[in-house]
């Protein structure tokens, strides 16, 4: 193949005092944009030629590989959803369950299920990890605010009684 070389324009040397900015930047931008579009169309044409050169067997092989990848991804997602349902992990925590194989998913699902376990009536929710549980917390006493029960309780606490 013969190479076509474009003539290179030599810049003219102008003394500093006389130098003015005579460059038309819009024209320069249009010129480079045109070259980029030409290169893009050349790349597209090259890709079409490469695709045309592929044999029917190569196309079928690529399609089969893509189908295999999609099948593997679908199986992985199905296993993840099945394991999440088994351990009671809801949709809002599903993004936290990740793993390469089913054994890893099972192990992580067990840990995650313990962390997000919803308290039942038998196991009340605690305010902190170290706070003891007070079943009467937040309940109001049955005594009136001006009743003798409060006065007696205060006397007992203060030791006045």
C-alpha atoms as a PDB file:
ATOM      1  CA  UNK A   1       0.000   0.000   0.000  1.00  0.00           C
ATOM      2  CA  UNK A   2       1.164   3.462  -0.643  1.00  0.00           C
ATOM      3  CA  UNK A   3       0.962   6.002   2.082  1.00  0.00           C
ATOM      4  CA  UNK A   4      -0.478   9.400   1.349  1.00  0.00           C
ATOM      5  CA  UNK A   5       1.144  12.161   3.279  1.00  0.00           C
ATOM      6  CA  UNK A   6      -0.427  15.525   3.694  1.00  0.00           C
ATOM      7  CA  UNK A   7       1.734  18.568   3.155  1.00  0.00           C
ATOM      8  CA  UNK A   8       2.779  20.094   6.441  1.00  0.00           C
ATOM      9  CA  UNK A   9       2.322  23.821   6.694  1.00  0.00           C
ATOM     10  CA  UNK A  10       5.383  25.507   8.082  1.00  0.00           C
ATOM     11  CA  UNK A  11       4.509  28.248  10.558  1.00  0.00           C
ATOM     12  CA  UNK A  12       5.836  31.619   9.668  1.00  0.00           C
ATOM     13  CA  UNK A  13       7.951  33.356  12.253  1.00  0.00           C
ATOM     14  CA  UNK A  14       6.617  36.762  13.221  1.00  0.00           C
ATOM     15  CA  UNK A  15       8.448  39.027  15.651  1.00  0.00           C
ATOM     16  CA  UNK A  16       6.772  39.258  19.062  1.00  0.00           C
ATOM     17  CA  UNK A  17       5.686  42.855  18.767  1.00  0.00           C
ATOM     18  CA  UNK A  18       3.937  42.345  15.435  1.00  0.00           C
ATOM     19  CA  UNK A  19       2.274  39.008  16.260  1.00  0.00           C
ATOM     20  CA  UNK A  20      -1.536  39.082  16.152  1.00  0.00           C
ATOM     21  CA  UNK A  21      -3.991  36.278  16.766  1.00  0.00           C
ATOM     22  CA  UNK A  22      -5.296  35.604  13.240  1.00  0.00           C
ATOM     23  CA  UNK A  23      -6.372  31.976  13.890  1.00  0.00           C
ATOM     24  CA  UNK A  24      -9.988  31.213  13.035  1.00  0.00           C
ATOM     25  CA  UNK A  25     -10.729  28.766  15.849  1.00  0.00           C
ATOM     26  CA  UNK A  26     -14.176  27.830  14.532  1.00  0.00           C
ATOM     27  CA  UNK A  27     -12.681  26.832  11.209  1.00  0.00           C
ATOM     28  CA  UNK A  28     -10.000  24.796  12.985  1.00  0.00           C
ATOM     29  CA  UNK A  29     -12.644  23.060  15.097  1.00  0.00           C
ATOM     30  CA  UNK A  30     -14.719  22.240  12.019  1.00  0.00           C
ATOM     31  CA  UNK A  31     -11.641  20.871  10.258  1.00  0.00           C
ATOM     32  CA  UNK A  32     -10.795  18.501  13.135  1.00  0.00           C
ATOM     33  CA  UNK A  33     -14.432  17.518  13.564  1.00  0.00           C
ATOM     34  CA  UNK A  34     -14.539  16.553   9.882  1.00  0.00           C
ATOM     35  CA  UNK A  35     -11.416  14.451  10.262  1.00  0.00           C
ATOM     36  CA  UNK A  36     -12.865  12.717  13.337  1.00  0.00           C
ATOM     37  CA  UNK A  37     -16.067  11.870  11.446  1.00  0.00           C
ATOM     38  CA  UNK A  38     -14.042  10.468   8.553  1.00  0.00           C
ATOM     39  CA  UNK A  39     -12.032   8.318  10.969  1.00  0.00           C
ATOM     40  CA  UNK A  40     -15.210   7.081  12.670  1.00  0.00           C
ATOM     41  CA  UNK A  41     -16.750   6.023   9.378  1.00  0.00           C
ATOM     42  CA  UNK A  42     -13.475   4.261   8.493  1.00  0.00           C
ATOM     43  CA  UNK A  43     -13.592   2.358  11.784  1.00  0.00           C
ATOM     44  CA  UNK A  44     -17.193   1.330  11.148  1.00  0.00           C
ATOM     45  CA  UNK A  45     -16.279   0.136   7.667  1.00  0.00           C
ATOM     46  CA  UNK A  46     -13.335  -1.861   9.034  1.00  0.00           C
ATOM     47  CA  UNK A  47     -15.599  -3.507  11.636  1.00  0.00           C
ATOM     48  CA  UNK A  48     -18.071  -4.479   8.899  1.00  0.00           C
ATOM     49  CA  UNK A  49     -15.253  -6.040   6.886  1.00  0.00           C
ATOM     50  CA  UNK A  50     -14.039  -8.001   9.910  1.00  0.00           C
ATOM     51  CA  UNK A  51     -17.564  -9.237  10.615  1.00  0.00           C
ATOM     52  CA  UNK A  52     -17.976 -10.288   6.993  1.00  0.00           C
ATOM     53  CA  UNK A  53     -14.748 -12.303   7.183  1.00  0.00           C
ATOM     54  CA  UNK A  54     -15.996 -14.327  10.145  1.00  0.00           C
ATOM     55  CA  UNK A  55     -17.250 -17.723   9.305  1.00  0.00           C
ATOM     56  CA  UNK A  56     -20.671 -18.969  10.187  1.00  0.00           C
ATOM     57  CA  UNK A  57     -19.039 -21.223  12.773  1.00  0.00           C
ATOM     58  CA  UNK A  58     -17.355 -18.270  14.509  1.00  0.00           C
ATOM     59  CA  UNK A  59     -20.650 -16.380  14.700  1.00  0.00           C
ATOM     60  CA  UNK A  60     -22.414 -19.423  16.115  1.00  0.00           C
ATOM     61  CA  UNK A  61     -19.603 -19.957  18.648  1.00  0.00           C
ATOM     62  CA  UNK A  62     -19.825 -16.342  19.836  1.00  0.00           C
ATOM     63  CA  UNK A  63     -23.613 -16.600  20.152  1.00  0.00           C
ATOM     64  CA  UNK A  64     -23.294 -19.849  22.123  1.00  0.00           C
ATOM     65  CA  UNK A  65     -20.709 -18.300  24.471  1.00  0.00           C
ATOM     66  CA  UNK A  66     -22.984 -15.318  25.081  1.00  0.00           C
ATOM     67  CA  UNK A  67     -25.900 -17.662  25.808  1.00  0.00           C
ATOM     68  CA  UNK A  68     -23.746 -19.674  28.228  1.00  0.00           C
ATOM     69  CA  UNK A  69     -22.740 -16.510  30.112  1.00  0.00           C
ATOM     70  CA  UNK A  70     -26.362 -15.415  30.335  1.00  0.00           C
ATOM     71  CA  UNK A  71     -27.422 -18.853  31.583  1.00  0.00           C
ATOM     72  CA  UNK A  72     -24.709 -18.862  34.272  1.00  0.00           C
ATOM     73  CA  UNK A  73     -25.735 -15.380  35.438  1.00  0.00           C
ATOM     74  CA  UNK A  74     -29.387 -16.455  35.588  1.00  0.00           C
ATOM     75  CA  UNK A  75     -28.540 -19.562  37.621  1.00  0.00           C
ATOM     76  CA  UNK A  76     -26.431 -17.494  40.032  1.00  0.00           C
ATOM     77  CA  UNK A  77     -29.260 -14.986  40.525  1.00  0.00           C
ATOM     78  CA  UNK A  78     -31.816 -17.782  41.018  1.00  0.00           C
ATOM     79  CA  UNK A  79     -29.597 -19.409  43.664  1.00  0.00           C
ATOM     80  CA  UNK A  80     -29.150 -16.073  45.425  1.00  0.00           C
ATOM     81  CA  UNK A  81     -32.916 -15.446  45.489  1.00  0.00           C
ATOM     82  CA  UNK A  82     -33.666 -19.006  46.653  1.00  0.00           C
ATOM     83  CA  UNK A  83     -31.142 -18.775  49.506  1.00  0.00           C
ATOM     84  CA  UNK A  84     -32.415 -15.325  50.502  1.00  0.00           C
ATOM     85  CA  UNK A  85     -35.988 -16.636  50.677  1.00  0.00           C
ATOM     86  CA  UNK A  86     -34.832 -19.658  52.691  1.00  0.00           C
ATOM     87  CA  UNK A  87     -33.206 -17.419  55.306  1.00  0.00           C
ATOM     88  CA  UNK A  88     -35.988 -14.822  55.335  1.00  0.00           C
ATOM     89  CA  UNK A  89     -33.929 -12.027  53.823  1.00  0.00           C
ATOM     90  CA  UNK A  90     -36.215  -9.394  52.376  1.00  0.00           C
ATOM     91  CA  UNK A  91     -35.920  -7.458  49.158  1.00  0.00           C
ATOM     92  CA  UNK A  92     -34.571  -4.384  50.957  1.00  0.00           C
ATOM     93  CA  UNK A  93     -31.516  -6.362  52.186  1.00  0.00           C
ATOM     94  CA  UNK A  94     -31.015  -8.508  49.088  1.00  0.00           C
ATOM     95  CA  UNK A  95     -28.240  -6.297  47.715  1.00  0.00           C
ATOM     96  CA  UNK A  96     -26.120  -7.197  50.764  1.00  0.00           C
ATOM     97  CA  UNK A  97     -26.155 -10.894  49.852  1.00  0.00           C
ATOM     98  CA  UNK A  98     -23.241 -11.543  47.493  1.00  0.00           C
ATOM     99  CA  UNK A  99     -21.110 -14.559  46.768  1.00  0.00           C
ATOM    100  CA  UNK A 100     -19.410 -16.618  44.097  1.00  0.00           C
ATOM    101  CA  UNK A 101     -20.935 -20.021  44.790  1.00  0.00           C
ATOM    102  CA  UNK A 102     -23.858 -21.442  46.747  1.00  0.00           C
ATOM    103  CA  UNK A 103     -21.775 -22.397  49.805  1.00  0.00           C
ATOM    104  CA  UNK A 104     -20.542 -18.826  50.181  1.00  0.00           C
ATOM    105  CA  UNK A 105     -24.073 -17.486  49.653  1.00  0.00           C
ATOM    106  CA  UNK A 106     -25.405 -19.844  52.342  1.00  0.00           C
ATOM    107  CA  UNK A 107     -22.767 -18.741  54.854  1.00  0.00           C
ATOM    108  CA  UNK A 108     -23.339 -15.051  54.192  1.00  0.00           C
ATOM    109  CA  UNK A 109     -27.119 -15.474  54.234  1.00  0.00           C
ATOM    110  CA  UNK A 110     -26.941 -17.060  57.699  1.00  0.00           C
ATOM    111  CA  UNK A 111     -24.890 -14.179  59.062  1.00  0.00           C
ATOM    112  CA  UNK A 112     -27.085 -11.596  57.376  1.00  0.00           C
ATOM    113  CA  UNK A 113     -30.268 -13.207  58.674  1.00  0.00           C
ATOM    114  CA  UNK A 114     -28.932 -12.998  62.244  1.00  0.00           C
ATOM    115  CA  UNK A 115     -28.099  -9.324  61.808  1.00  0.00           C
ATOM    116  CA  UNK A 116     -31.470  -8.306  60.404  1.00  0.00           C
ATOM    117  CA  UNK A 117     -33.570 -10.615  62.565  1.00  0.00           C
ATOM    118  CA  UNK A 118     -36.899  -8.952  63.372  1.00  0.00           C
ATOM    119  CA  UNK A 119     -37.753  -9.093  67.100  1.00  0.00           C
ATOM    120  CA  UNK A 120     -40.834 -11.067  68.042  1.00  0.00           C
ATOM    121  CA  UNK A 121     -43.136 -10.586  71.031  1.00  0.00           C
ATOM    122  CA  UNK A 122     -41.108 -13.144  72.998  1.00  0.00           C
ATOM    123  CA  UNK A 123     -37.877 -11.272  72.297  1.00  0.00           C
ATOM    124  CA  UNK A 124     -38.439  -7.535  72.702  1.00  0.00           C
ATOM    125  CA  UNK A 125     -36.201  -5.073  70.937  1.00  0.00           C
ATOM    126  CA  UNK A 126     -33.520  -3.475  73.092  1.00  0.00           C
ATOM    127  CA  UNK A 127     -32.383   0.088  72.830  1.00  0.00           C
ATOM    128  CA  UNK A 128     -28.692  -0.731  72.796  1.00  0.00           C
ATOM    129  CA  UNK A 129     -26.388  -3.695  72.790  1.00  0.00           C
ATOM    130  CA  UNK A 130     -25.610  -3.348  76.500  1.00  0.00           C
ATOM    131  CA  UNK A 131     -28.908  -1.946  77.780  1.00  0.00           C
ATOM    132  CA  UNK A 132     -30.957  -4.276  79.982  1.00  0.00           C
ATOM    133  CA  UNK A 133     -34.573  -4.776  79.037  1.00  0.00           C
ATOM    134  CA  UNK A 134     -37.173  -3.019  81.161  1.00  0.00           C
ATOM    135  CA  UNK A 135     -40.670  -4.291  80.298  1.00  0.00           C
ATOM    136  CA  UNK A 136     -42.343  -1.367  82.110  1.00  0.00           C
ATOM    137  CA  UNK A 137     -40.309   1.269  80.286  1.00  0.00           C
ATOM    138  CA  UNK A 138     -42.489   3.894  78.681  1.00  0.00           C
ATOM    139  CA  UNK A 139     -45.636   2.875  80.538  1.00  0.00           C
ATOM    140  CA  UNK A 140     -47.335   5.425  82.747  1.00  0.00           C
ATOM    141  CA  UNK A 141     -48.019   4.559  86.395  1.00  0.00           C
ATOM    142  CA  UNK A 142     -51.598   4.020  87.511  1.00  0.00           C
ATOM    143  CA  UNK A 143     -51.256   6.752  90.153  1.00  0.00           C
ATOM    144  CA  UNK A 144     -52.506  10.287  89.796  1.00  0.00           C
ATOM    145  CA  UNK A 145     -49.823  12.981  89.814  1.00  0.00           C
ATOM    146  CA  UNK A 146     -51.180  14.517  93.001  1.00  0.00           C
ATOM    147  CA  UNK A 147     -51.864  11.183  94.721  1.00  0.00           C
ATOM    148  CA  UNK A 148     -50.395   9.782  97.913  1.00  0.00           C
ATOM    149  CA  UNK A 149     -48.600   7.025  95.991  1.00  0.00           C
ATOM    150  CA  UNK A 150     -46.061   9.415  94.500  1.00  0.00           C
ATOM    151  CA  UNK A 151     -45.483  11.096  97.839  1.00  0.00           C
ATOM    152  CA  UNK A 152     -44.937   7.749  99.536  1.00  0.00           C
ATOM    153  CA  UNK A 153     -42.600   6.584  96.783  1.00  0.00           C
ATOM    154  CA  UNK A 154     -40.505   9.748  97.117  1.00  0.00           C
ATOM    155  CA  UNK A 155     -40.319   9.382 100.881  1.00  0.00           C
ATOM    156  CA  UNK A 156     -39.174   5.776 100.518  1.00  0.00           C
ATOM    157  CA  UNK A 157     -36.516   6.699  97.961  1.00  0.00           C
ATOM    158  CA  UNK A 158     -35.223   9.601 100.044  1.00  0.00           C
ATOM    159  CA  UNK A 159     -35.412   7.616 103.274  1.00  0.00           C
ATOM    160  CA  UNK A 160     -37.692  10.133 104.974  1.00  0.00           C
ATOM    161  CA  UNK A 161     -40.497   7.799 105.617  1.00  0.00           C
END
